[in-house]
Amino acid sequence: MFFAAFPNYKNTFSRVESSGNTVSISGFAFWSEEKPHDTVLWSARIENDLVAEWRIHEDTPANRRLLHLAE
């Protein structure tokens, strides 16, 4: 249903960091030609070589520090 509503949706990852079993990513979510992209943070927890948890975070200074993506 999500991709039917946003057929042009795509993510662009600009930075990927890993530490232990956690991967932190910063980048952009593109919705459509009418709506500009949004900056986004993602995180993944890896267990047994599989993604056990995938989260989307608001791009805030606090979340960048939490995910070790602060500049």
N, C-alpha and C. Protein backbone atom coordinates (compact mmCIF):
# COMPACT_ATOMS: atom_id res chain seq x y z
N MET A 1 0.82 -1.18 0.00
CA MET A 1 0.00 0.00 0.00
C MET A 1 0.87 1.26 0.00
N PHE A 2 1.96 1.27 0.77
CA PHE A 2 2.85 2.43 0.84
C PHE A 2 3.40 2.77 -0.54
N PHE A 3 3.94 1.77 -1.24
CA PHE A 3 4.57 2.03 -2.54
C PHE A 3 3.54 2.35 -3.62
N ALA A 4 2.31 1.92 -3.43
CA ALA A 4 1.26 2.33 -4.36
C ALA A 4 0.96 3.81 -4.20
N ALA A 5 1.01 4.29 -2.97
CA ALA A 5 0.76 5.72 -2.70
C ALA A 5 1.94 6.59 -3.12
N PHE A 6 3.15 6.04 -3.06
CA PHE A 6 4.37 6.79 -3.40
C PHE A 6 5.22 5.97 -4.36
N PRO A 7 4.80 5.85 -5.62
CA PRO A 7 5.52 4.98 -6.57
C PRO A 7 6.95 5.44 -6.89
N ASN A 8 7.25 6.72 -6.69
CA ASN A 8 8.60 7.23 -6.96
C ASN A 8 9.49 7.26 -5.73
N TYR A 9 9.01 6.72 -4.61
CA TYR A 9 9.76 6.76 -3.35
C TYR A 9 11.10 6.03 -3.51
N LYS A 10 12.14 6.67 -2.99
CA LYS A 10 13.45 6.01 -2.95
C LYS A 10 14.28 6.64 -1.84
N ASN A 11 15.22 5.89 -1.34
CA ASN A 11 16.16 6.36 -0.33
C ASN A 11 17.52 6.52 -0.95
N THR A 12 18.22 7.56 -0.54
CA THR A 12 19.61 7.77 -0.94
C THR A 12 20.43 7.83 0.32
N PHE A 13 21.37 6.93 0.47
CA PHE A 13 22.22 6.89 1.65
C PHE A 13 23.48 7.68 1.36
N SER A 14 23.79 8.65 2.23
CA SER A 14 24.98 9.47 2.03
C SER A 14 26.10 9.11 3.01
N ARG A 15 25.75 8.47 4.11
CA ARG A 15 26.78 8.06 5.08
C ARG A 15 26.32 6.79 5.78
N VAL A 16 27.22 5.83 5.89
CA VAL A 16 26.94 4.56 6.56
C VAL A 16 28.05 4.30 7.56
N GLU A 17 27.67 4.06 8.81
CA GLU A 17 28.63 3.75 9.88
C GLU A 17 28.19 2.45 10.55
N SER A 18 29.16 1.66 11.00
CA SER A 18 28.80 0.45 11.73
C SER A 18 29.65 0.34 12.98
N SER A 19 29.04 -0.26 13.99
CA SER A 19 29.72 -0.50 15.26
C SER A 19 29.06 -1.72 15.89
N GLY A 20 29.82 -2.77 16.08
CA GLY A 20 29.26 -4.00 16.63
C GLY A 20 28.18 -4.52 15.71
N ASN A 21 26.99 -4.73 16.25
CA ASN A 21 25.89 -5.26 15.43
C ASN A 21 24.90 -4.17 15.00
N THR A 22 25.34 -2.91 15.04
CA THR A 22 24.47 -1.79 14.66
C THR A 22 25.02 -1.06 13.45
N VAL A 23 24.15 -0.76 12.51
CA VAL A 23 24.50 0.04 11.34
C VAL A 23 23.66 1.31 11.41
N SER A 24 24.31 2.47 11.27
CA SER A 24 23.63 3.77 11.29
C SER A 24 23.82 4.43 9.93
N ILE A 25 22.76 5.04 9.42
CA ILE A 25 22.77 5.58 8.06
C ILE A 25 22.13 6.97 8.07
N SER A 26 22.72 7.89 7.32
CA SER A 26 22.08 9.19 7.08
C SER A 26 21.88 9.34 5.59
N GLY A 27 20.85 10.08 5.22
CA GLY A 27 20.58 10.29 3.81
C GLY A 27 19.29 11.04 3.59
N PHE A 28 18.65 10.71 2.46
CA PHE A 28 17.46 11.44 2.02
C PHE A 28 16.38 10.46 1.57
N ALA A 29 15.15 10.83 1.82
CA ALA A 29 14.00 10.10 1.30
C ALA A 29 13.35 10.99 0.25
N PHE A 30 13.18 10.47 -0.94
CA PHE A 30 12.55 11.20 -2.04
C PHE A 30 11.15 10.64 -2.22
N TRP A 31 10.16 11.52 -2.23
CA TRP A 31 8.76 11.10 -2.32
C TRP A 31 8.19 11.22 -3.72
N SER A 32 8.33 12.40 -4.30
CA SER A 32 7.76 12.65 -5.62
C SER A 32 8.36 13.94 -6.17
N GLU A 33 8.07 14.21 -7.41
CA GLU A 33 8.56 15.45 -8.03
C GLU A 33 7.94 16.67 -7.35
N GLU A 34 6.74 16.53 -6.83
CA GLU A 34 6.04 17.65 -6.19
C GLU A 34 6.53 17.91 -4.77
N LYS A 35 7.00 16.88 -4.11
CA LYS A 35 7.43 17.01 -2.71
C LYS A 35 8.95 16.88 -2.66
N PRO A 36 9.64 17.85 -2.09
CA PRO A 36 11.10 17.75 -2.01
C PRO A 36 11.51 16.61 -1.08
N HIS A 37 12.77 16.27 -1.15
CA HIS A 37 13.29 15.19 -0.31
C HIS A 37 13.36 15.61 1.16
N ASP A 38 13.34 14.62 2.02
CA ASP A 38 13.47 14.83 3.46
C ASP A 38 14.79 14.20 3.91
N THR A 39 15.50 14.87 4.81
CA THR A 39 16.67 14.23 5.41
C THR A 39 16.17 13.21 6.43
N VAL A 40 16.84 12.07 6.49
CA VAL A 40 16.38 10.96 7.33
C VAL A 40 17.59 10.25 7.91
N LEU A 41 17.39 9.66 9.09
CA LEU A 41 18.37 8.76 9.69
C LEU A 41 17.72 7.40 9.83
N TRP A 42 18.48 6.35 9.60
CA TRP A 42 18.01 4.99 9.76
C TRP A 42 18.99 4.24 10.64
N SER A 43 18.52 3.19 11.28
CA SER A 43 19.41 2.30 12.01
C SER A 43 18.94 0.86 11.81
N ALA A 44 19.90 -0.04 11.82
CA ALA A 44 19.60 -1.46 11.70
C ALA A 44 20.40 -2.22 12.75
N ARG A 45 19.73 -3.18 13.37
CA ARG A 45 20.42 -4.09 14.30
C ARG A 45 20.52 -5.43 13.60
N ILE A 46 21.73 -5.97 13.55
CA ILE A 46 22.01 -7.20 12.83
C ILE A 46 22.16 -8.35 13.81
N GLU A 47 21.49 -9.45 13.53
CA GLU A 47 21.62 -10.68 14.31
C GLU A 47 21.71 -11.85 13.35
N ASN A 48 22.71 -12.70 13.54
CA ASN A 48 22.90 -13.88 12.68
C ASN A 48 22.95 -13.51 11.20
N ASP A 49 23.64 -12.40 10.90
CA ASP A 49 23.82 -11.90 9.53
C ASP A 49 22.52 -11.46 8.86
N LEU A 50 21.47 -11.21 9.64
CA LEU A 50 20.19 -10.73 9.11
C LEU A 50 19.78 -9.45 9.84
N VAL A 51 18.99 -8.63 9.19
CA VAL A 51 18.46 -7.43 9.84
C VAL A 51 17.36 -7.86 10.81
N ALA A 52 17.63 -7.68 12.09
CA ALA A 52 16.66 -8.05 13.13
C ALA A 52 15.73 -6.88 13.45
N GLU A 53 16.21 -5.65 13.22
CA GLU A 53 15.41 -4.46 13.52
C GLU A 53 15.84 -3.35 12.57
N TRP A 54 14.88 -2.64 12.01
CA TRP A 54 15.11 -1.51 11.12
C TRP A 54 14.28 -0.36 11.63
N ARG A 55 14.93 0.78 11.88
CA ARG A 55 14.21 1.94 12.41
C ARG A 55 14.49 3.17 11.56
N ILE A 56 13.51 4.04 11.52
CA ILE A 56 13.63 5.34 10.86
C ILE A 56 13.58 6.38 11.96
N HIS A 57 14.52 7.34 11.90
CA HIS A 57 14.64 8.37 12.93
C HIS A 57 14.55 9.75 12.31
N GLU A 58 13.95 10.68 13.02
CA GLU A 58 13.96 12.07 12.60
C GLU A 58 15.41 12.57 12.63
N ASP A 59 15.77 13.37 11.64
CA ASP A 59 17.14 13.90 11.56
C ASP A 59 17.26 15.10 12.50
N THR A 60 17.68 14.82 13.73
CA THR A 60 17.91 15.86 14.74
C THR A 60 19.33 15.72 15.26
N PRO A 61 19.89 16.78 15.83
CA PRO A 61 21.22 16.66 16.43
C PRO A 61 21.30 15.55 17.49
N ALA A 62 20.25 15.41 18.30
CA ALA A 62 20.25 14.38 19.35
C ALA A 62 20.29 12.98 18.73
N ASN A 63 19.50 12.75 17.68
CA ASN A 63 19.51 11.43 17.04
C ASN A 63 20.82 11.18 16.32
N ARG A 64 21.43 12.22 15.73
CA ARG A 64 22.74 12.03 15.10
C ARG A 64 23.79 11.62 16.13
N ARG A 65 23.73 12.22 17.32
CA ARG A 65 24.67 11.83 18.39
C ARG A 65 24.39 10.40 18.85
N LEU A 66 23.12 10.07 19.03
CA LEU A 66 22.72 8.73 19.46
C LEU A 66 23.21 7.66 18.48
N LEU A 67 23.14 7.95 17.19
CA LEU A 67 23.53 6.99 16.16
C LEU A 67 24.98 7.14 15.72
N HIS A 68 25.72 8.00 16.40
CA HIS A 68 27.15 8.23 16.09
C HIS A 68 27.32 8.75 14.66
N LEU A 69 26.43 9.64 14.26
CA LEU A 69 26.51 10.26 12.93
C LEU A 69 26.74 11.77 13.02
N ALA A 70 27.04 12.27 14.23
CA ALA A 70 27.28 13.70 14.41
C ALA A 70 28.55 14.09 13.66
N GLU A 71 28.49 15.26 13.05
CA GLU A 71 29.66 15.75 12.30
C GLU A 71 30.71 16.31 13.23
